[in-house]
Amino acid sequence: MRQRLLDATVDCLVTYGYAGTTTHRVAEVAGVTRGAQIHHFRAKEDLVVAAIEYLAQQRAESVARDLADVRESPDPAATVLDFLWEAHQGPLFVATIELWIAGRTDPVLAAQIQRVEPVVSGAMIAAIGQVLSDRAARRDMRHVLYTAMDALRGILIADFVDDDPDRARRRWDRASARFRRDLHVALAEPEPLAEPEPLAEPAPLVERVELHPEVRPESEPDPLPA
């Protein structure tokens, strides 16, 4: 019963958006009575909080399944970027975006998203690490991957209101060409050594006082005429 309600919540988020995802509609889509729905989730807030965790789990499991097809690749950088594209397709991503946008004005929702989203992103980076070996743990590699995910999500959000169904893919192809070069550089270069901490500058003997450019001390003589 709980599973049916959570699946129905995802369906409603995709079809009707967050505002249209009411408890009555979720019960109707799930094919259960309102009493049965209230037994598991008394209010929309309870239902949505559970849906956030459910979506996070589903996305993490989807990443693990999809990665099984790309473990052996002659071009790991290109494979990883294609994997990111595929991981952000489908109803799970659309439902997640609906919750993210709603969280902008809902502190309770935002707090739940902030709690689970790092877990999902971390699982995705860990899964990518199986393709890139231990290099995925490097800071420069993680920066490229997280920036690529941010760019991809922005492209896909803009695609929600675009009448060209292929524009998002073209934009991602252009962006991923740059990320692919960055990944190749990160894969080829050795781990950079940590830079030493800079030495602290000695404290000045006399505190410097900034003077307004138009104000001179009284002891300063007037400039000589030219």
C-alpha atoms as a PDB file:
ATOM      1  CA  MET A   1       0.000   0.000   0.000  1.00  0.00           C
ATOM      2  CA  ARG A   2       2.750   2.451   0.966  1.00  0.00           C
ATOM      3  CA  GLN A   3       4.671   1.582  -2.211  1.00  0.00           C
ATOM      4  CA  ARG A   4       1.590   2.257  -4.345  1.00  0.00           C
ATOM      5  CA  LEU A   5       1.090   5.633  -2.704  1.00  0.00           C
ATOM      6  CA  LEU A   6       4.715   6.648  -3.260  1.00  0.00           C
ATOM      7  CA  ASP A   7       4.635   5.528  -6.901  1.00  0.00           C
ATOM      8  CA  ALA A   8       1.399   7.481  -7.336  1.00  0.00           C
ATOM      9  CA  THR A   9       3.043  10.545  -5.787  1.00  0.00           C
ATOM     10  CA  VAL A  10       5.846  10.399  -8.350  1.00  0.00           C
ATOM     11  CA  ASP A  11       3.297  10.018 -11.152  1.00  0.00           C
ATOM     12  CA  CYS A  12       1.339  13.021  -9.876  1.00  0.00           C
ATOM     13  CA  LEU A  13       4.458  15.179  -9.569  1.00  0.00           C
ATOM     14  CA  VAL A  14       5.330  14.426 -13.192  1.00  0.00           C
ATOM     15  CA  THR A  15       1.794  14.824 -14.559  1.00  0.00           C
ATOM     16  CA  TYR A  16       0.309  17.592 -12.406  1.00  0.00           C
ATOM     17  CA  GLY A  17       3.311  19.302 -10.818  1.00  0.00           C
ATOM     18  CA  TYR A  18       3.852  19.920  -7.128  1.00  0.00           C
ATOM     19  CA  ALA A  19       0.840  22.224  -6.724  1.00  0.00           C
ATOM     20  CA  GLY A  20      -1.423  19.653  -8.362  1.00  0.00           C
ATOM     21  CA  THR A  21      -0.149  16.768  -6.258  1.00  0.00           C
ATOM     22  CA  THR A  22      -2.896  16.649  -3.636  1.00  0.00           C
ATOM     23  CA  THR A  23      -3.516  13.828  -1.198  1.00  0.00           C
ATOM     24  CA  HIS A  24      -6.919  13.218  -2.792  1.00  0.00           C
ATOM     25  CA  ARG A  25      -5.367  12.915  -6.252  1.00  0.00           C
ATOM     26  CA  VAL A  26      -2.577  10.643  -5.028  1.00  0.00           C
ATOM     27  CA  ALA A  27      -5.116   8.303  -3.425  1.00  0.00           C
ATOM     28  CA  GLU A  28      -7.126   8.286  -6.650  1.00  0.00           C
ATOM     29  CA  VAL A  29      -4.088   7.497  -8.819  1.00  0.00           C
ATOM     30  CA  ALA A  30      -2.952   4.809  -6.367  1.00  0.00           C
ATOM     31  CA  GLY A  31      -6.415   3.267  -6.399  1.00  0.00           C
ATOM     32  CA  VAL A  32      -6.823   3.361  -2.630  1.00  0.00           C
ATOM     33  CA  THR A  33      -9.359   4.958  -0.335  1.00  0.00           C
ATOM     34  CA  ARG A  34      -8.676   8.235   1.434  1.00  0.00           C
ATOM     35  CA  GLY A  35      -8.839   6.366   4.717  1.00  0.00           C
ATOM     36  CA  ALA A  36      -6.103   3.977   3.598  1.00  0.00           C
ATOM     37  CA  GLN A  37      -3.986   6.890   2.421  1.00  0.00           C
ATOM     38  CA  ILE A  38      -4.439   8.772   5.711  1.00  0.00           C
ATOM     39  CA  HIS A  39      -3.421   5.631   7.597  1.00  0.00           C
ATOM     40  CA  HIS A  40       0.048   5.885   5.998  1.00  0.00           C
ATOM     41  CA  PHE A  41       0.335   9.644   5.389  1.00  0.00           C
ATOM     42  CA  ARG A  42      -1.899  11.985   7.363  1.00  0.00           C
ATOM     43  CA  ALA A  43      -1.027  15.131   5.393  1.00  0.00           C
ATOM     44  CA  LYS A  44       0.578  16.180   2.128  1.00  0.00           C
ATOM     45  CA  GLU A  45       3.735  17.190   3.980  1.00  0.00           C
ATOM     46  CA  ASP A  46       4.157  13.642   5.325  1.00  0.00           C
ATOM     47  CA  LEU A  47       3.582  12.213   1.869  1.00  0.00           C
ATOM     48  CA  VAL A  48       6.044  14.555   0.171  1.00  0.00           C
ATOM     49  CA  VAL A  49       8.782  13.988   2.768  1.00  0.00           C
ATOM     50  CA  ALA A  50       8.462  10.239   2.218  1.00  0.00           C
ATOM     51  CA  ALA A  51       8.459  10.811  -1.551  1.00  0.00           C
ATOM     52  CA  ILE A  52      11.764  12.707  -1.325  1.00  0.00           C
ATOM     53  CA  GLU A  53      13.434   9.753   0.365  1.00  0.00           C
ATOM     54  CA  TYR A  54      11.773   7.327  -2.033  1.00  0.00           C
ATOM     55  CA  LEU A  55      12.942   9.282  -5.074  1.00  0.00           C
ATOM     56  CA  ALA A  56      16.467   9.448  -3.686  1.00  0.00           C
ATOM     57  CA  GLN A  57      16.537   5.683  -3.241  1.00  0.00           C
ATOM     58  CA  GLN A  58      15.107   5.051  -6.707  1.00  0.00           C
ATOM     59  CA  ARG A  59      17.602   7.397  -8.355  1.00  0.00           C
ATOM     60  CA  ALA A  60      20.550   5.793  -6.552  1.00  0.00           C
ATOM     61  CA  GLU A  61      19.405   2.302  -7.586  1.00  0.00           C
ATOM     62  CA  SER A  62      18.883   3.460 -11.166  1.00  0.00           C
ATOM     63  CA  VAL A  63      22.432   4.808 -11.283  1.00  0.00           C
ATOM     64  CA  ALA A  64      23.831   1.468 -10.109  1.00  0.00           C
ATOM     65  CA  ARG A  65      21.827  -0.448 -12.735  1.00  0.00           C
ATOM     66  CA  ASP A  66      22.676   1.837 -15.635  1.00  0.00           C
ATOM     67  CA  LEU A  67      26.369   1.847 -14.840  1.00  0.00           C
ATOM     68  CA  ALA A  68      26.579  -1.903 -15.393  1.00  0.00           C
ATOM     69  CA  ASP A  69      26.454  -1.257 -19.154  1.00  0.00           C
ATOM     70  CA  VAL A  70      29.379   1.167 -19.256  1.00  0.00           C
ATOM     71  CA  ARG A  71      32.044  -0.420 -17.071  1.00  0.00           C
ATOM     72  CA  GLU A  72      34.300  -1.299 -20.010  1.00  0.00           C
ATOM     73  CA  SER A  73      34.902   1.697 -22.247  1.00  0.00           C
ATOM     74  CA  PRO A  74      37.842   2.793 -24.420  1.00  0.00           C
ATOM     75  CA  ASP A  75      36.923   6.442 -23.706  1.00  0.00           C
ATOM     76  CA  PRO A  76      35.921   6.725 -20.042  1.00  0.00           C
ATOM     77  CA  ALA A  77      35.461  10.505 -20.206  1.00  0.00           C
ATOM     78  CA  ALA A  78      32.895  10.306 -23.009  1.00  0.00           C
ATOM     79  CA  THR A  79      31.230   7.333 -21.332  1.00  0.00           C
ATOM     80  CA  VAL A  80      30.837   9.177 -18.047  1.00  0.00           C
ATOM     81  CA  LEU A  81      29.268  12.218 -19.729  1.00  0.00           C
ATOM     82  CA  ASP A  82      26.829  10.044 -21.667  1.00  0.00           C
ATOM     83  CA  PHE A  83      26.042   8.288 -18.406  1.00  0.00           C
ATOM     84  CA  LEU A  84      25.248  11.621 -16.740  1.00  0.00           C
ATOM     85  CA  TRP A  85      22.828  12.468 -19.550  1.00  0.00           C
ATOM     86  CA  GLU A  86      20.998   9.161 -19.220  1.00  0.00           C
ATOM     87  CA  ALA A  87      20.906   9.396 -15.423  1.00  0.00           C
ATOM     88  CA  HIS A  88      19.012  12.695 -15.699  1.00  0.00           C
ATOM     89  CA  GLN A  89      16.295  11.447 -18.039  1.00  0.00           C
ATOM     90  CA  GLY A  90      12.857  10.122 -17.218  1.00  0.00           C
ATOM     91  CA  PRO A  91      10.179  10.651 -14.582  1.00  0.00           C
ATOM     92  CA  LEU A  92      12.447  10.339 -11.548  1.00  0.00           C
ATOM     93  CA  PHE A  93      14.395  13.437 -12.567  1.00  0.00           C
ATOM     94  CA  VAL A  94      11.248  15.395 -13.503  1.00  0.00           C
ATOM     95  CA  ALA A  95       9.623  14.598 -10.147  1.00  0.00           C
ATOM     96  CA  THR A  96      12.816  15.575  -8.344  1.00  0.00           C
ATOM     97  CA  ILE A  97      12.935  18.944 -10.111  1.00  0.00           C
ATOM     98  CA  GLU A  98       9.312  19.608  -9.116  1.00  0.00           C
ATOM     99  CA  LEU A  99      10.307  19.124  -5.484  1.00  0.00           C
ATOM    100  CA  TRP A 100      13.447  21.265  -5.808  1.00  0.00           C
ATOM    101  CA  ILE A 101      11.492  24.181  -7.233  1.00  0.00           C
ATOM    102  CA  ALA A 102       8.798  23.849  -4.566  1.00  0.00           C
ATOM    103  CA  GLY A 103      11.522  23.814  -1.918  1.00  0.00           C
ATOM    104  CA  ARG A 104      12.501  27.374  -2.831  1.00  0.00           C
ATOM    105  CA  THR A 105       9.520  28.693  -0.862  1.00  0.00           C
ATOM    106  CA  ASP A 106       8.939  25.767   1.511  1.00  0.00           C
ATOM    107  CA  PRO A 107      11.530  25.582   4.332  1.00  0.00           C
ATOM    108  CA  VAL A 108      10.403  22.131   5.492  1.00  0.00           C
ATOM    109  CA  LEU A 109      10.676  20.732   1.984  1.00  0.00           C
ATOM    110  CA  ALA A 110      14.024  22.444   1.438  1.00  0.00           C
ATOM    111  CA  ALA A 111      15.440  20.951   4.637  1.00  0.00           C
ATOM    112  CA  GLN A 112      14.475  17.431   3.565  1.00  0.00           C
ATOM    113  CA  ILE A 113      15.963  17.919   0.103  1.00  0.00           C
ATOM    114  CA  GLN A 114      19.204  19.244   1.589  1.00  0.00           C
ATOM    115  CA  ARG A 115      19.360  16.149   3.773  1.00  0.00           C
ATOM    116  CA  VAL A 116      19.010  13.515   1.048  1.00  0.00           C
ATOM    117  CA  GLU A 117      20.333  15.149  -2.128  1.00  0.00           C
ATOM    118  CA  PRO A 118      24.034  15.000  -1.134  1.00  0.00           C
ATOM    119  CA  VAL A 119      23.564  11.262  -0.601  1.00  0.00           C
ATOM    120  CA  VAL A 120      22.227  10.809  -4.140  1.00  0.00           C
ATOM    121  CA  SER A 121      24.940  12.954  -5.724  1.00  0.00           C
ATOM    122  CA  GLY A 122      27.569  11.141  -3.677  1.00  0.00           C
ATOM    123  CA  ALA A 123      26.234   7.793  -4.861  1.00  0.00           C
ATOM    124  CA  MET A 124      26.437   8.995  -8.447  1.00  0.00           C
ATOM    125  CA  ILE A 125      30.037  10.142  -8.053  1.00  0.00           C
ATOM    126  CA  ALA A 126      30.908   6.844  -6.351  1.00  0.00           C
ATOM    127  CA  ALA A 127      29.332   4.937  -9.231  1.00  0.00           C
ATOM    128  CA  ILE A 128      31.334   6.977 -11.717  1.00  0.00           C
ATOM    129  CA  GLY A 129      34.410   6.072  -9.690  1.00  0.00           C
ATOM    130  CA  GLN A 130      33.893   2.481 -10.793  1.00  0.00           C
ATOM    131  CA  VAL A 131      34.513   3.635 -14.371  1.00  0.00           C
ATOM    132  CA  LEU A 132      37.340   6.071 -13.637  1.00  0.00           C
ATOM    133  CA  SER A 133      38.943   3.944 -10.913  1.00  0.00           C
ATOM    134  CA  ASP A 134      40.399   5.866  -7.985  1.00  0.00           C
ATOM    135  CA  ARG A 135      40.794   9.043 -10.030  1.00  0.00           C
ATOM    136  CA  ALA A 136      37.167  10.000  -9.349  1.00  0.00           C
ATOM    137  CA  ALA A 137      38.152  10.760  -5.761  1.00  0.00           C
ATOM    138  CA  ARG A 138      40.504  13.527  -6.873  1.00  0.00           C
ATOM    139  CA  ARG A 139      39.380  17.063  -6.207  1.00  0.00           C
ATOM    140  CA  ASP A 140      39.864  18.314  -9.776  1.00  0.00           C
ATOM    141  CA  MET A 141      37.891  15.356 -11.133  1.00  0.00           C
ATOM    142  CA  ARG A 142      35.050  15.910  -8.687  1.00  0.00           C
ATOM    143  CA  HIS A 143      34.911  19.589  -9.615  1.00  0.00           C
ATOM    144  CA  VAL A 144      34.480  18.724 -13.294  1.00  0.00           C
ATOM    145  CA  LEU A 145      31.793  16.134 -12.565  1.00  0.00           C
ATOM    146  CA  TYR A 146      29.757  18.347 -10.255  1.00  0.00           C
ATOM    147  CA  THR A 147      30.000  21.282 -12.668  1.00  0.00           C
ATOM    148  CA  ALA A 148      28.893  19.013 -15.508  1.00  0.00           C
ATOM    149  CA  MET A 149      25.873  17.874 -13.477  1.00  0.00           C
ATOM    150  CA  ASP A 150      24.946  21.468 -12.641  1.00  0.00           C
ATOM    151  CA  ALA A 151      25.187  22.487 -16.298  1.00  0.00           C
ATOM    152  CA  LEU A 152      23.155  19.491 -17.437  1.00  0.00           C
ATOM    153  CA  ARG A 153      20.396  20.153 -14.920  1.00  0.00           C
ATOM    154  CA  GLY A 154      20.166  23.770 -16.037  1.00  0.00           C
ATOM    155  CA  ILE A 155      19.886  22.689 -19.670  1.00  0.00           C
ATOM    156  CA  LEU A 156      17.144  20.185 -18.853  1.00  0.00           C
ATOM    157  CA  ILE A 157      15.137  22.647 -16.751  1.00  0.00           C
ATOM    158  CA  ALA A 158      15.178  25.121 -19.642  1.00  0.00           C
ATOM    159  CA  ASP A 159      14.017  22.291 -21.895  1.00  0.00           C
ATOM    160  CA  PHE A 160      10.743  22.010 -19.965  1.00  0.00           C
ATOM    161  CA  VAL A 161       9.415  25.092 -21.790  1.00  0.00           C
ATOM    162  CA  ASP A 162      11.271  24.677 -25.094  1.00  0.00           C
ATOM    163  CA  ASP A 163       9.291  23.774 -28.211  1.00  0.00           C
ATOM    164  CA  ASP A 164      12.371  22.182 -29.808  1.00  0.00           C
ATOM    165  CA  PRO A 165      12.667  18.634 -28.406  1.00  0.00           C
ATOM    166  CA  ASP A 166      16.247  18.256 -29.645  1.00  0.00           C
ATOM    167  CA  ARG A 167      17.715  21.544 -28.429  1.00  0.00           C
ATOM    168  CA  ALA A 168      18.661  20.250 -24.979  1.00  0.00           C
ATOM    169  CA  ARG A 169      20.695  17.408 -26.447  1.00  0.00           C
ATOM    170  CA  ARG A 170      22.502  19.763 -28.824  1.00  0.00           C
ATOM    171  CA  ARG A 171      23.329  22.097 -25.952  1.00  0.00           C
ATOM    172  CA  TRP A 172      24.578  19.212 -23.846  1.00  0.00           C
ATOM    173  CA  ASP A 173      26.726  17.930 -26.715  1.00  0.00           C
ATOM    174  CA  ARG A 174      28.415  21.339 -26.942  1.00  0.00           C
ATOM    175  CA  ALA A 175      28.883  21.606 -23.190  1.00  0.00           C
ATOM    176  CA  SER A 176      30.053  18.022 -22.774  1.00  0.00           C
ATOM    177  CA  ALA A 177      32.755  18.555 -25.411  1.00  0.00           C
ATOM    178  CA  ARG A 178      34.368  21.018 -23.006  1.00  0.00           C
ATOM    179  CA  PHE A 179      33.844  18.773 -19.991  1.00  0.00           C
ATOM    180  CA  ARG A 180      35.302  15.875 -21.935  1.00  0.00           C
ATOM    181  CA  ARG A 181      38.518  17.838 -22.517  1.00  0.00           C
ATOM    182  CA  ASP A 182      38.649  18.750 -18.835  1.00  0.00           C
ATOM    183  CA  LEU A 183      38.190  15.112 -17.845  1.00  0.00           C
ATOM    184  CA  HIS A 184      40.924  13.989 -20.241  1.00  0.00           C
ATOM    185  CA  VAL A 185      43.285  16.540 -18.691  1.00  0.00           C
ATOM    186  CA  ALA A 186      42.398  15.394 -15.182  1.00  0.00           C
ATOM    187  CA  LEU A 187      42.870  11.743 -16.149  1.00  0.00           C
ATOM    188  CA  ALA A 188      46.248  12.405 -17.750  1.00  0.00           C
ATOM    189  CA  GLU A 189      47.776  14.628 -15.079  1.00  0.00           C
ATOM    190  CA  PRO A 190      49.207  13.275 -11.822  1.00  0.00           C
ATOM    191  CA  GLU A 191      47.643  14.276  -8.548  1.00  0.00           C
ATOM    192  CA  PRO A 192      48.808  17.843  -7.848  1.00  0.00           C
ATOM    193  CA  LEU A 193      50.814  18.375  -4.690  1.00  0.00           C
ATOM    194  CA  ALA A 194      49.150  20.384  -1.987  1.00  0.00           C
ATOM    195  CA  GLU A 195      50.392  23.964  -1.945  1.00  0.00           C
ATOM    196  CA  PRO A 196      52.187  24.994   1.240  1.00  0.00           C
ATOM    197  CA  GLU A 197      50.431  27.388   3.552  1.00  0.00           C
ATOM    198  CA  PRO A 198      51.642  30.970   2.942  1.00  0.00           C
ATOM    199  CA  LEU A 199      53.714  32.529   5.701  1.00  0.00           C
ATOM    200  CA  ALA A 200      51.861  35.065   7.764  1.00  0.00           C
ATOM    201  CA  GLU A 201      52.960  38.653   7.154  1.00  0.00           C
ATOM    202  CA  PRO A 202      54.520  40.364  10.178  1.00  0.00           C
ATOM    203  CA  ALA A 203      52.247  42.807  11.931  1.00  0.00           C
ATOM    204  CA  PRO A 204      53.083  46.459  11.152  1.00  0.00           C
ATOM    205  CA  LEU A 205      54.859  48.398  13.889  1.00  0.00           C
ATOM    206  CA  VAL A 206      52.487  51.315  13.476  1.00  0.00           C
ATOM    207  CA  GLU A 207      48.873  50.931  12.469  1.00  0.00           C
ATOM    208  CA  ARG A 208      48.290  52.349   9.018  1.00  0.00           C
ATOM    209  CA  VAL A 209      45.610  54.997   8.781  1.00  0.00           C
ATOM    210  CA  GLU A 210      43.998  55.592   5.414  1.00  0.00           C
ATOM    211  CA  LEU A 211      43.501  59.266   4.609  1.00  0.00           C
ATOM    212  CA  HIS A 212      40.815  60.604   2.352  1.00  0.00           C
ATOM    213  CA  PRO A 213      42.514  61.774  -0.862  1.00  0.00           C
ATOM    214  CA  GLU A 214      41.055  65.263  -0.461  1.00  0.00           C
ATOM    215  CA  VAL A 215      42.114  65.700   3.180  1.00  0.00           C
ATOM    216  CA  ARG A 216      45.734  66.348   4.191  1.00  0.00           C
ATOM    217  CA  PRO A 217      47.145  66.589   7.695  1.00  0.00           C
ATOM    218  CA  GLU A 218      47.446  70.144   9.024  1.00  0.00           C
ATOM    219  CA  SER A 219      51.223  69.773   9.188  1.00  0.00           C
ATOM    220  CA  GLU A 220      51.479  69.046   5.464  1.00  0.00           C
ATOM    221  CA  PRO A 221      52.619  72.198   3.592  1.00  0.00           C
ATOM    222  CA  ASP A 222      50.660  73.513   0.672  1.00  0.00           C
ATOM    223  CA  PRO A 223      52.089  72.415  -2.660  1.00  0.00           C
ATOM    224  CA  LEU A 224      54.432  74.872  -4.366  1.00  0.00           C
ATOM    225  CA  PRO A 225      52.975  76.692  -7.354  1.00  0.00           C
ATOM    226  CA  ALA A 226      53.981  75.306 -10.702  1.00  0.00           C
END
